Amino acid sequence: MANRRSISERLTDLWTGTVARVFPERQILVRGQGRVHYFTLGTVQQLLLAGGFTGCLLWALLATAAYVDGAATLAAKESQIAARAAELNDVKGNYQAAFGQLDEFHALFSNITCEITDIQDSLLRISERNTGPDKRGAAPTVLPHLDPDAGGCRQNATTPRIATAPVDAKTAANAEQEALRQRVAQLESELSK
């Protein structure tokens, strides 16, 4: 049983033998100023130097990997920020375009309102001319109408006013009715766009 050693003793001997073969005692010669000096590096000292070098190498590798990973993460974040900024600019452009369309629709609505007011005023004048005073001498009933200056229609009117000076009342009324029909058709076509 003396020949039988434990597994741990065998592993220790194997380790010691391998380390002794890889890191045998070495002597380093240094020559300077005409003299020679030497240093002896034992197995333990060589193991410590190899361990320190390996530790420094591992630290450098890990630091480089962390830096590369951080740079990749930063680039991804910058890409996300750029994408969000582009989305924000698109939304801002869409908002401004919609606001511009709203202004256009508001102007169109104001023009149409002015045109309707003009048409209503013209129809009232035609109605007053055709009916005249009733038999009792009272003026005909006036229909309610839009406020002609509510949107500054009279100042911004682009359509010519129809002349109200009667040459022949019936001919003028027919001409005015035809002009109004044409204008209503034009407004309907503008609204359908």
N, C-alpha and C. Protein backbone atom coordinates (compact mmCIF):
# COMPACT_ATOMS: atom_id res chain seq x y z
N MET A 1 0.81 -1.17 0.00
CA MET A 1 0.00 0.00 0.00
C MET A 1 0.86 1.25 0.00
N ALA A 2 2.06 1.10 0.32
CA ALA A 2 2.95 2.25 0.31
C ALA A 2 3.15 2.74 -1.11
N ASN A 3 3.04 1.81 -2.06
CA ASN A 3 3.19 2.20 -3.46
C ASN A 3 1.95 2.90 -3.99
N ARG A 4 0.89 2.67 -3.38
CA ARG A 4 -0.35 3.30 -3.85
C ARG A 4 -0.46 4.70 -3.27
N ARG A 5 -0.42 5.61 -4.15
CA ARG A 5 -0.58 6.99 -3.71
C ARG A 5 -1.99 7.46 -4.04
N SER A 6 -2.40 8.48 -3.36
CA SER A 6 -3.75 9.01 -3.61
C SER A 6 -3.76 9.78 -4.92
N ILE A 7 -4.95 9.97 -5.40
CA ILE A 7 -5.13 10.67 -6.67
C ILE A 7 -4.64 12.10 -6.54
N SER A 8 -4.88 12.72 -5.45
CA SER A 8 -4.45 14.10 -5.27
C SER A 8 -2.93 14.20 -5.28
N GLU A 9 -2.25 13.21 -4.71
CA GLU A 9 -0.79 13.23 -4.74
C GLU A 9 -0.28 13.06 -6.15
N ARG A 10 -0.93 12.20 -6.93
CA ARG A 10 -0.51 12.00 -8.30
C ARG A 10 -0.73 13.27 -9.14
N LEU A 11 -1.86 13.90 -8.95
CA LEU A 11 -2.14 15.14 -9.67
C LEU A 11 -1.15 16.23 -9.28
N THR A 12 -0.81 16.30 -8.03
CA THR A 12 0.16 17.29 -7.57
C THR A 12 1.51 17.02 -8.21
N ASP A 13 1.92 15.79 -8.25
CA ASP A 13 3.21 15.44 -8.87
C ASP A 13 3.17 15.74 -10.37
N LEU A 14 2.07 15.43 -11.03
CA LEU A 14 1.95 15.71 -12.45
C LEU A 14 2.02 17.20 -12.71
N TRP A 15 1.30 17.97 -11.91
CA TRP A 15 1.30 19.43 -12.04
C TRP A 15 2.70 19.98 -11.79
N THR A 16 3.35 19.53 -10.77
CA THR A 16 4.69 20.01 -10.43
C THR A 16 5.67 19.64 -11.54
N GLY A 17 5.53 18.46 -12.08
CA GLY A 17 6.43 18.03 -13.16
C GLY A 17 6.20 18.83 -14.42
N THR A 18 4.93 19.10 -14.76
CA THR A 18 4.62 19.87 -15.97
C THR A 18 5.10 21.30 -15.81
N VAL A 19 4.84 21.90 -14.67
CA VAL A 19 5.27 23.27 -14.42
C VAL A 19 6.79 23.34 -14.46
N ALA A 20 7.47 22.34 -13.88
CA ALA A 20 8.93 22.34 -13.86
C ALA A 20 9.49 22.22 -15.27
N ARG A 21 8.80 21.45 -16.16
CA ARG A 21 9.27 21.33 -17.53
C ARG A 21 9.03 22.60 -18.34
N VAL A 22 7.87 23.26 -18.11
CA VAL A 22 7.54 24.47 -18.87
C VAL A 22 8.32 25.67 -18.34
N PHE A 23 8.43 25.76 -17.04
CA PHE A 23 9.11 26.89 -16.41
C PHE A 23 10.32 26.41 -15.61
N PRO A 24 11.37 25.93 -16.27
CA PRO A 24 12.55 25.51 -15.50
C PRO A 24 13.29 26.76 -15.00
N GLU A 25 14.15 26.59 -14.06
CA GLU A 25 14.92 27.71 -13.53
C GLU A 25 15.78 28.28 -14.64
N ARG A 26 15.77 29.58 -14.78
CA ARG A 26 16.52 30.23 -15.86
C ARG A 26 17.44 31.29 -15.26
N GLN A 27 18.52 31.50 -16.00
CA GLN A 27 19.45 32.54 -15.59
C GLN A 27 19.51 33.57 -16.71
N ILE A 28 19.42 34.81 -16.31
CA ILE A 28 19.45 35.90 -17.28
C ILE A 28 20.76 36.64 -17.07
N LEU A 29 21.55 36.74 -18.14
CA LEU A 29 22.84 37.41 -18.09
C LEU A 29 22.67 38.83 -18.59
N VAL A 30 23.25 39.77 -17.86
CA VAL A 30 23.20 41.18 -18.22
C VAL A 30 24.64 41.68 -18.24
N ARG A 31 25.07 42.24 -19.35
CA ARG A 31 26.43 42.73 -19.47
C ARG A 31 26.37 44.24 -19.60
N GLY A 32 27.15 44.95 -18.85
CA GLY A 32 27.19 46.39 -18.90
C GLY A 32 28.45 46.91 -18.25
N GLN A 33 29.08 47.88 -18.83
CA GLN A 33 30.29 48.53 -18.34
C GLN A 33 31.41 47.51 -18.09
N GLY A 34 31.51 46.58 -18.98
CA GLY A 34 32.59 45.61 -18.89
C GLY A 34 32.37 44.55 -17.82
N ARG A 35 31.26 44.50 -17.23
CA ARG A 35 30.99 43.51 -16.18
C ARG A 35 29.78 42.69 -16.59
N VAL A 36 29.67 41.49 -16.13
CA VAL A 36 28.57 40.60 -16.40
C VAL A 36 27.85 40.31 -15.10
N HIS A 37 26.54 40.46 -15.13
CA HIS A 37 25.69 40.15 -13.98
C HIS A 37 24.67 39.13 -14.44
N TYR A 38 24.20 38.33 -13.53
CA TYR A 38 23.15 37.39 -13.90
C TYR A 38 22.10 37.36 -12.81
N PHE A 39 20.89 37.07 -13.29
CA PHE A 39 19.76 36.93 -12.37
C PHE A 39 19.17 35.56 -12.58
N THR A 40 18.72 34.99 -11.52
CA THR A 40 18.10 33.68 -11.60
C THR A 40 16.60 33.85 -11.41
N LEU A 41 15.85 33.28 -12.35
CA LEU A 41 14.40 33.29 -12.23
C LEU A 41 13.95 31.86 -11.95
N GLY A 42 13.37 31.70 -10.80
CA GLY A 42 12.90 30.38 -10.42
C GLY A 42 11.52 30.11 -11.04
N THR A 43 11.01 28.92 -10.82
CA THR A 43 9.72 28.50 -11.37
C THR A 43 8.60 29.40 -10.85
N VAL A 44 8.61 29.68 -9.55
CA VAL A 44 7.54 30.50 -8.95
C VAL A 44 7.57 31.91 -9.53
N GLN A 45 8.76 32.48 -9.66
CA GLN A 45 8.86 33.83 -10.21
C GLN A 45 8.37 33.87 -11.66
N GLN A 46 8.71 32.81 -12.43
CA GLN A 46 8.24 32.75 -13.81
C GLN A 46 6.73 32.59 -13.87
N LEU A 47 6.16 31.81 -12.96
CA LEU A 47 4.70 31.66 -12.90
C LEU A 47 4.03 33.00 -12.57
N LEU A 48 4.62 33.74 -11.65
CA LEU A 48 4.05 35.04 -11.30
C LEU A 48 4.12 36.01 -12.50
N LEU A 49 5.24 36.03 -13.20
CA LEU A 49 5.37 36.89 -14.38
C LEU A 49 4.38 36.48 -15.47
N ALA A 50 4.26 35.17 -15.72
CA ALA A 50 3.32 34.68 -16.74
C ALA A 50 1.89 35.00 -16.33
N GLY A 51 1.56 34.85 -15.06
CA GLY A 51 0.21 35.17 -14.57
C GLY A 51 -0.08 36.66 -14.72
N GLY A 52 0.90 37.51 -14.36
CA GLY A 52 0.72 38.96 -14.51
C GLY A 52 0.54 39.36 -15.96
N PHE A 53 1.36 38.76 -16.85
CA PHE A 53 1.24 39.06 -18.27
C PHE A 53 -0.12 38.60 -18.80
N THR A 54 -0.55 37.40 -18.41
CA THR A 54 -1.84 36.88 -18.85
C THR A 54 -2.98 37.74 -18.33
N GLY A 55 -2.88 38.18 -17.08
CA GLY A 55 -3.91 39.06 -16.50
C GLY A 55 -4.01 40.38 -17.25
N CYS A 56 -2.83 40.97 -17.56
CA CYS A 56 -2.83 42.24 -18.32
C CYS A 56 -3.43 42.04 -19.71
N LEU A 57 -3.07 40.92 -20.35
CA LEU A 57 -3.60 40.63 -21.68
C LEU A 57 -5.12 40.45 -21.64
N LEU A 58 -5.63 39.72 -20.64
CA LEU A 58 -7.08 39.53 -20.50
C LEU A 58 -7.79 40.86 -20.23
N TRP A 59 -7.19 41.66 -19.36
CA TRP A 59 -7.79 42.97 -19.06
C TRP A 59 -7.87 43.82 -20.34
N ALA A 60 -6.78 43.83 -21.13
CA ALA A 60 -6.78 44.62 -22.37
C ALA A 60 -7.84 44.10 -23.34
N LEU A 61 -7.99 42.79 -23.45
CA LEU A 61 -9.01 42.22 -24.34
C LEU A 61 -10.42 42.58 -23.87
N LEU A 62 -10.66 42.45 -22.58
CA LEU A 62 -12.00 42.79 -22.05
C LEU A 62 -12.31 44.28 -22.20
N ALA A 63 -11.31 45.13 -21.94
CA ALA A 63 -11.52 46.57 -22.09
C ALA A 63 -11.81 46.93 -23.54
N THR A 64 -11.10 46.30 -24.47
CA THR A 64 -11.33 46.55 -25.89
C THR A 64 -12.73 46.08 -26.29
N ALA A 65 -13.12 44.91 -25.82
CA ALA A 65 -14.45 44.39 -26.14
C ALA A 65 -15.54 45.30 -25.57
N ALA A 66 -15.34 45.79 -24.34
CA ALA A 66 -16.32 46.69 -23.74
C ALA A 66 -16.40 48.01 -24.52
N TYR A 67 -15.25 48.51 -24.97
CA TYR A 67 -15.24 49.75 -25.75
C TYR A 67 -15.96 49.56 -27.07
N VAL A 68 -15.68 48.46 -27.76
CA VAL A 68 -16.33 48.20 -29.05
C VAL A 68 -17.83 48.03 -28.86
N ASP A 69 -18.23 47.32 -27.80
CA ASP A 69 -19.66 47.14 -27.52
C ASP A 69 -20.32 48.47 -27.20
N GLY A 70 -19.64 49.30 -26.41
CA GLY A 70 -20.18 50.62 -26.08
C GLY A 70 -20.31 51.50 -27.31
N ALA A 71 -19.31 51.43 -28.20
CA ALA A 71 -19.37 52.23 -29.43
C ALA A 71 -20.52 51.75 -30.32
N ALA A 72 -20.73 50.44 -30.38
CA ALA A 72 -21.83 49.90 -31.19
C ALA A 72 -23.18 50.32 -30.59
N THR A 73 -23.30 50.27 -29.27
CA THR A 73 -24.53 50.70 -28.61
C THR A 73 -24.78 52.18 -28.84
N LEU A 74 -23.72 52.99 -28.75
CA LEU A 74 -23.85 54.43 -28.98
C LEU A 74 -24.26 54.71 -30.42
N ALA A 75 -23.68 53.99 -31.37
CA ALA A 75 -24.06 54.17 -32.77
C ALA A 75 -25.52 53.79 -32.99
N ALA A 76 -25.97 52.71 -32.34
CA ALA A 76 -27.38 52.31 -32.47
C ALA A 76 -28.30 53.38 -31.88
N LYS A 77 -27.93 53.95 -30.75
CA LYS A 77 -28.75 55.01 -30.12
C LYS A 77 -28.78 56.25 -31.02
N GLU A 78 -27.63 56.61 -31.59
CA GLU A 78 -27.60 57.77 -32.48
C GLU A 78 -28.47 57.52 -33.71
N SER A 79 -28.46 56.29 -34.21
CA SER A 79 -29.30 55.94 -35.35
C SER A 79 -30.78 56.07 -34.98
N GLN A 80 -31.15 55.62 -33.79
CA GLN A 80 -32.53 55.74 -33.33
C GLN A 80 -32.93 57.21 -33.19
N ILE A 81 -32.02 58.01 -32.66
CA ILE A 81 -32.31 59.44 -32.48
C ILE A 81 -32.49 60.10 -33.85
N ALA A 82 -31.63 59.75 -34.81
CA ALA A 82 -31.76 60.31 -36.15
C ALA A 82 -33.08 59.90 -36.78
N ALA A 83 -33.48 58.64 -36.58
CA ALA A 83 -34.76 58.17 -37.14
C ALA A 83 -35.92 58.92 -36.49
N ARG A 84 -35.87 59.12 -35.19
CA ARG A 84 -36.94 59.86 -34.50
C ARG A 84 -36.99 61.32 -34.97
N ALA A 85 -35.80 61.91 -35.18
CA ALA A 85 -35.76 63.30 -35.66
C ALA A 85 -36.36 63.38 -37.07
N ALA A 86 -36.07 62.38 -37.91
CA ALA A 86 -36.65 62.37 -39.26
C ALA A 86 -38.17 62.22 -39.18
N GLU A 87 -38.65 61.34 -38.30
CA GLU A 87 -40.10 61.18 -38.11
C GLU A 87 -40.73 62.49 -37.64
N LEU A 88 -40.05 63.15 -36.70
CA LEU A 88 -40.56 64.41 -36.17
C LEU A 88 -40.62 65.47 -37.27
N ASN A 89 -39.60 65.52 -38.13
CA ASN A 89 -39.60 66.47 -39.23
C ASN A 89 -40.72 66.16 -40.22
N ASP A 90 -40.96 64.86 -40.47
CA ASP A 90 -42.07 64.47 -41.36
C ASP A 90 -43.41 64.90 -40.77
N VAL A 91 -43.58 64.65 -39.48
CA VAL A 91 -44.84 65.03 -38.82
C VAL A 91 -45.00 66.55 -38.85
N LYS A 92 -43.90 67.26 -38.62
CA LYS A 92 -43.96 68.72 -38.64
C LYS A 92 -44.33 69.21 -40.04
N GLY A 93 -43.74 68.61 -41.07
CA GLY A 93 -44.08 68.98 -42.44
C GLY A 93 -45.53 68.69 -42.76
N ASN A 94 -46.02 67.52 -42.32
CA ASN A 94 -47.43 67.17 -42.54
C ASN A 94 -48.34 68.15 -41.82
N TYR A 95 -47.96 68.54 -40.61
CA TYR A 95 -48.76 69.50 -39.84
C TYR A 95 -48.82 70.83 -40.57
N GLN A 96 -47.67 71.30 -41.06
CA GLN A 96 -47.65 72.57 -41.76
C GLN A 96 -48.45 72.50 -43.05
N ALA A 97 -48.36 71.36 -43.76
CA ALA A 97 -49.15 71.21 -44.99
C ALA A 97 -50.64 71.21 -44.67
N ALA A 98 -51.02 70.50 -43.61
CA ALA A 98 -52.44 70.46 -43.22
C ALA A 98 -52.91 71.86 -42.80
N PHE A 99 -52.06 72.58 -42.11
CA PHE A 99 -52.42 73.93 -41.69
C PHE A 99 -52.58 74.84 -42.90
N GLY A 100 -51.72 74.67 -43.90
CA GLY A 100 -51.85 75.44 -45.14
C GLY A 100 -53.14 75.11 -45.86
N GLN A 101 -53.49 73.81 -45.90
CA GLN A 101 -54.75 73.41 -46.52
C GLN A 101 -55.94 74.00 -45.76
N LEU A 102 -55.82 74.04 -44.45
CA LEU A 102 -56.89 74.62 -43.65
C LEU A 102 -57.08 76.10 -44.00
N ASP A 103 -55.96 76.82 -44.18
CA ASP A 103 -56.07 78.22 -44.58
C ASP A 103 -56.73 78.35 -45.95
N GLU A 104 -56.35 77.45 -46.88
CA GLU A 104 -56.95 77.48 -48.22
C GLU A 104 -58.45 77.21 -48.14
N PHE A 105 -58.85 76.21 -47.35
CA PHE A 105 -60.26 75.89 -47.21
C PHE A 105 -61.02 77.04 -46.54
N HIS A 106 -60.38 77.68 -45.58
CA HIS A 106 -61.02 78.82 -44.92
C HIS A 106 -61.25 79.95 -45.92
N ALA A 107 -60.24 80.23 -46.76
CA ALA A 107 -60.39 81.28 -47.76
C ALA A 107 -61.48 80.90 -48.77
N LEU A 108 -61.48 79.64 -49.20
CA LEU A 108 -62.51 79.18 -50.13
C LEU A 108 -63.90 79.29 -49.50
N PHE A 109 -64.01 78.89 -48.23
CA PHE A 109 -65.29 78.98 -47.52
C PHE A 109 -65.74 80.44 -47.43
N SER A 110 -64.82 81.34 -47.13
CA SER A 110 -65.17 82.77 -47.04
C SER A 110 -65.65 83.29 -48.39
N ASN A 111 -64.94 82.89 -49.46
CA ASN A 111 -65.36 83.33 -50.80
C ASN A 111 -66.73 82.78 -51.15
N ILE A 112 -66.97 81.52 -50.83
CA ILE A 112 -68.28 80.92 -51.12
C ILE A 112 -69.37 81.60 -50.31
N THR A 113 -69.07 81.88 -49.04
CA THR A 113 -70.05 82.58 -48.20
C THR A 113 -70.37 83.95 -48.79
N CYS A 114 -69.35 84.66 -49.27
CA CYS A 114 -69.58 85.97 -49.90
C CYS A 114 -70.43 85.81 -51.15
N GLU A 115 -70.13 84.78 -51.94
CA GLU A 115 -70.89 84.56 -53.16
C GLU A 115 -72.35 84.24 -52.83
N ILE A 116 -72.56 83.42 -51.82
CA ILE A 116 -73.93 83.09 -51.42
C ILE A 116 -74.66 84.34 -50.95
N THR A 117 -73.97 85.19 -50.21
CA THR A 117 -74.57 86.44 -49.75
C THR A 117 -74.95 87.31 -50.95
N ASP A 118 -74.05 87.41 -51.92
CA ASP A 118 -74.35 88.20 -53.12
C ASP A 118 -75.55 87.61 -53.87
N ILE A 119 -75.57 86.29 -53.99
CA ILE A 119 -76.68 85.64 -54.69
C ILE A 119 -77.98 85.90 -53.95
N GLN A 120 -77.95 85.79 -52.64
CA GLN A 120 -79.17 86.01 -51.85
C GLN A 120 -79.63 87.46 -51.99
N ASP A 121 -78.69 88.40 -51.95
CA ASP A 121 -79.07 89.80 -52.12
C ASP A 121 -79.69 90.03 -53.50
N SER A 122 -79.08 89.40 -54.51
CA SER A 122 -79.62 89.56 -55.87
C SER A 122 -81.01 88.95 -55.97
N LEU A 123 -81.21 87.79 -55.38
CA LEU A 123 -82.52 87.15 -55.41
C LEU A 123 -83.56 88.00 -54.68
N LEU A 124 -83.16 88.62 -53.58
CA LEU A 124 -84.09 89.50 -52.86
C LEU A 124 -84.47 90.70 -53.71
N ARG A 125 -83.49 91.27 -54.43
CA ARG A 125 -83.80 92.41 -55.29
C ARG A 125 -84.74 92.00 -56.42
N ILE A 126 -84.48 90.82 -56.99
CA ILE A 126 -85.35 90.32 -58.06
C ILE A 126 -86.75 90.10 -57.53
N SER A 127 -86.82 89.50 -56.34
CA SER A 127 -88.12 89.23 -55.73
C SER A 127 -88.87 90.53 -55.46
N GLU A 128 -88.16 91.55 -54.98
CA GLU A 128 -88.78 92.84 -54.69
C GLU A 128 -89.28 93.50 -55.98
N ARG A 129 -88.50 93.38 -57.06
CA ARG A 129 -88.89 93.99 -58.32
C ARG A 129 -90.10 93.29 -58.93
N ASN A 130 -90.12 91.96 -58.84
CA ASN A 130 -91.20 91.19 -59.45
C ASN A 130 -92.50 91.30 -58.67
N THR A 131 -92.43 91.41 -57.36
CA THR A 131 -93.65 91.43 -56.57
C THR A 131 -94.17 92.83 -56.37
N GLY A 132 -93.32 93.79 -56.14
CA GLY A 132 -93.75 95.16 -55.91
C GLY A 132 -94.53 95.26 -54.61
N PRO A 133 -95.08 96.44 -54.32
CA PRO A 133 -95.86 96.58 -53.08
C PRO A 133 -97.17 95.80 -53.20
N ASP A 134 -97.61 95.26 -52.06
CA ASP A 134 -98.86 94.48 -52.09
C ASP A 134 -100.05 95.43 -52.24
N LYS A 135 -101.21 94.89 -52.31
CA LYS A 135 -102.41 95.67 -52.62
C LYS A 135 -102.72 96.70 -51.55
N ARG A 136 -102.32 96.51 -50.38
CA ARG A 136 -102.62 97.45 -49.30
C ARG A 136 -101.60 98.59 -49.25
N GLY A 137 -100.55 98.52 -50.09
CA GLY A 137 -99.56 99.58 -50.11
C GLY A 137 -98.37 99.31 -49.22
N ALA A 138 -98.34 98.14 -48.58
CA ALA A 138 -97.20 97.82 -47.71
C ALA A 138 -96.09 97.21 -48.55
N ALA A 139 -94.87 97.36 -48.10
CA ALA A 139 -93.72 96.78 -48.80
C ALA A 139 -93.76 95.26 -48.64
N PRO A 140 -93.25 94.51 -49.62
CA PRO A 140 -93.26 93.05 -49.51
C PRO A 140 -92.40 92.58 -48.34
N THR A 141 -92.69 91.38 -47.88
CA THR A 141 -91.94 90.82 -46.75
C THR A 141 -90.50 90.57 -47.19
N VAL A 142 -89.56 91.04 -46.40
CA VAL A 142 -88.14 90.87 -46.73
C VAL A 142 -87.64 89.59 -46.05
N LEU A 143 -87.01 88.75 -46.84
CA LEU A 143 -86.47 87.50 -46.30
C LEU A 143 -85.18 87.78 -45.53
N PRO A 144 -84.90 87.01 -44.49
CA PRO A 144 -83.65 87.23 -43.75
C PRO A 144 -82.47 86.88 -44.65
N HIS A 145 -81.37 87.57 -44.47
CA HIS A 145 -80.18 87.28 -45.27
C HIS A 145 -78.92 87.41 -44.41
N LEU A 146 -77.86 86.90 -44.98
CA LEU A 146 -76.58 86.92 -44.27
C LEU A 146 -76.07 88.34 -44.14
N ASP A 147 -75.26 88.58 -43.14
CA ASP A 147 -74.64 89.87 -42.96
C ASP A 147 -73.60 90.06 -44.07
N PRO A 148 -73.76 91.01 -44.96
CA PRO A 148 -72.86 91.12 -46.11
C PRO A 148 -71.43 91.48 -45.73
N ASP A 149 -71.22 92.09 -44.57
CA ASP A 149 -69.86 92.49 -44.20
C ASP A 149 -69.26 91.59 -43.13
N ALA A 150 -69.87 90.45 -42.84
CA ALA A 150 -69.36 89.58 -41.77
C ALA A 150 -67.95 89.11 -42.07
N GLY A 151 -67.67 88.74 -43.29
CA GLY A 151 -66.33 88.29 -43.63
C GLY A 151 -65.61 89.28 -44.50
N GLY A 152 -66.09 90.51 -44.57
CA GLY A 152 -65.47 91.50 -45.45
C GLY A 152 -65.74 91.17 -46.90
N CYS A 153 -66.91 90.61 -47.18
CA CYS A 153 -67.23 90.15 -48.52
C CYS A 153 -67.21 91.29 -49.53
N ARG A 154 -67.71 92.42 -49.15
CA ARG A 154 -67.81 93.53 -50.10
C ARG A 154 -66.41 94.04 -50.47
N GLN A 155 -65.49 93.96 -49.53
CA GLN A 155 -64.14 94.44 -49.81
C GLN A 155 -63.36 93.42 -50.65
N ASN A 156 -63.59 92.10 -50.41
CA ASN A 156 -62.82 91.05 -51.06
C ASN A 156 -63.54 90.41 -52.23
N ALA A 157 -64.68 90.94 -52.62
CA ALA A 157 -65.48 90.30 -53.66
C ALA A 157 -64.71 90.30 -54.97
N THR A 158 -64.69 89.13 -55.61
CA THR A 158 -63.99 89.00 -56.88
C THR A 158 -64.97 88.92 -58.04
N THR A 159 -66.25 88.71 -57.72
CA THR A 159 -67.24 88.62 -58.80
C THR A 159 -67.84 90.00 -59.01
N PRO A 160 -68.10 90.34 -60.22
CA PRO A 160 -68.68 91.66 -60.48
C PRO A 160 -70.13 91.71 -60.01
N ARG A 161 -70.48 92.86 -59.50
CA ARG A 161 -71.87 93.06 -59.07
C ARG A 161 -72.74 93.25 -60.30
N ILE A 162 -73.93 92.72 -60.21
CA ILE A 162 -74.86 92.83 -61.33
C ILE A 162 -75.54 94.19 -61.24
N ALA A 163 -75.61 94.86 -62.34
CA ALA A 163 -76.19 96.21 -62.35
C ALA A 163 -77.65 96.14 -61.95
N THR A 164 -78.07 97.09 -61.12
CA THR A 164 -79.45 97.08 -60.63
C THR A 164 -80.31 98.16 -61.29
N ALA A 165 -79.70 98.95 -62.15
CA ALA A 165 -80.49 100.01 -62.80
C ALA A 165 -81.40 99.36 -63.84
N PRO A 166 -82.72 99.41 -63.63
CA PRO A 166 -83.63 98.72 -64.56
C PRO A 166 -83.81 99.51 -65.85
N VAL A 167 -83.48 98.81 -66.96
CA VAL A 167 -83.81 99.36 -68.27
C VAL A 167 -85.18 98.83 -68.61
N ASP A 168 -85.23 97.53 -68.61
CA ASP A 168 -86.51 96.85 -68.73
C ASP A 168 -86.53 95.86 -67.59
N ALA A 169 -87.43 95.97 -66.66
CA ALA A 169 -87.41 95.17 -65.43
C ALA A 169 -87.41 93.69 -65.72
N LYS A 170 -88.24 93.27 -66.68
CA LYS A 170 -88.33 91.84 -66.95
C LYS A 170 -87.06 91.33 -67.62
N THR A 171 -86.48 92.06 -68.54
CA THR A 171 -85.25 91.66 -69.23
C THR A 171 -84.09 91.64 -68.25
N ALA A 172 -84.00 92.64 -67.40
CA ALA A 172 -82.92 92.70 -66.41
C ALA A 172 -83.04 91.54 -65.42
N ALA A 173 -84.29 91.23 -65.03
CA ALA A 173 -84.49 90.12 -64.09
C ALA A 173 -84.07 88.81 -64.72
N ASN A 174 -84.43 88.60 -66.01
CA ASN A 174 -84.03 87.37 -66.70
C ASN A 174 -82.51 87.27 -66.83
N ALA A 175 -81.88 88.37 -67.17
CA ALA A 175 -80.41 88.37 -67.32
C ALA A 175 -79.75 88.09 -65.98
N GLU A 176 -80.29 88.67 -64.93
CA GLU A 176 -79.72 88.47 -63.59
C GLU A 176 -79.91 87.03 -63.15
N GLN A 177 -81.08 86.46 -63.44
CA GLN A 177 -81.34 85.07 -63.09
C GLN A 177 -80.38 84.14 -63.83
N GLU A 178 -80.13 84.41 -65.08
CA GLU A 178 -79.21 83.57 -65.87
C GLU A 178 -77.78 83.69 -65.33
N ALA A 179 -77.39 84.89 -64.98
CA ALA A 179 -76.05 85.09 -64.42
C ALA A 179 -75.91 84.35 -63.08
N LEU A 180 -76.98 84.39 -62.30
CA LEU A 180 -76.97 83.70 -61.01
C LEU A 180 -76.90 82.19 -61.20
N ARG A 181 -77.65 81.67 -62.18
CA ARG A 181 -77.60 80.22 -62.45
C ARG A 181 -76.18 79.80 -62.83
N GLN A 182 -75.57 80.59 -63.68
CA GLN A 182 -74.20 80.26 -64.09
C GLN A 182 -73.24 80.32 -62.90
N ARG A 183 -73.40 81.31 -62.06
CA ARG A 183 -72.52 81.44 -60.89
C ARG A 183 -72.75 80.30 -59.92
N VAL A 184 -73.99 79.88 -59.71
CA VAL A 184 -74.30 78.74 -58.83
C VAL A 184 -73.67 77.47 -59.38
N ALA A 185 -73.75 77.28 -60.70
CA ALA A 185 -73.13 76.10 -61.32
C ALA A 185 -71.62 76.13 -61.13
N GLN A 186 -71.04 77.32 -61.26
CA GLN A 186 -69.59 77.45 -61.07
C GLN A 186 -69.21 77.14 -59.62
N LEU A 187 -69.97 77.63 -58.67
CA LEU A 187 -69.69 77.38 -57.25
C LEU A 187 -69.85 75.90 -56.92
N GLU A 188 -70.88 75.26 -57.50
CA GLU A 188 -71.07 73.82 -57.27
C GLU A 188 -69.89 73.02 -57.81
N SER A 189 -69.36 73.42 -58.95
CA SER A 189 -68.21 72.69 -59.51
C SER A 189 -66.98 72.92 -58.64
N GLU A 190 -66.81 74.12 -58.08
CA GLU A 190 -65.68 74.37 -57.17
C GLU A 190 -65.80 73.56 -55.90
N LEU A 191 -67.01 73.44 -55.40
CA LEU A 191 -67.22 72.66 -54.17
C LEU A 191 -66.98 71.17 -54.39
N SER A 192 -67.26 70.68 -55.59
CA SER A 192 -67.09 69.25 -55.86
C SER A 192 -65.63 68.86 -56.04
N LYS A 193 -64.74 69.82 -56.18
CA LYS A 193 -63.31 69.52 -56.37
C LYS A 193 -62.68 69.00 -55.12
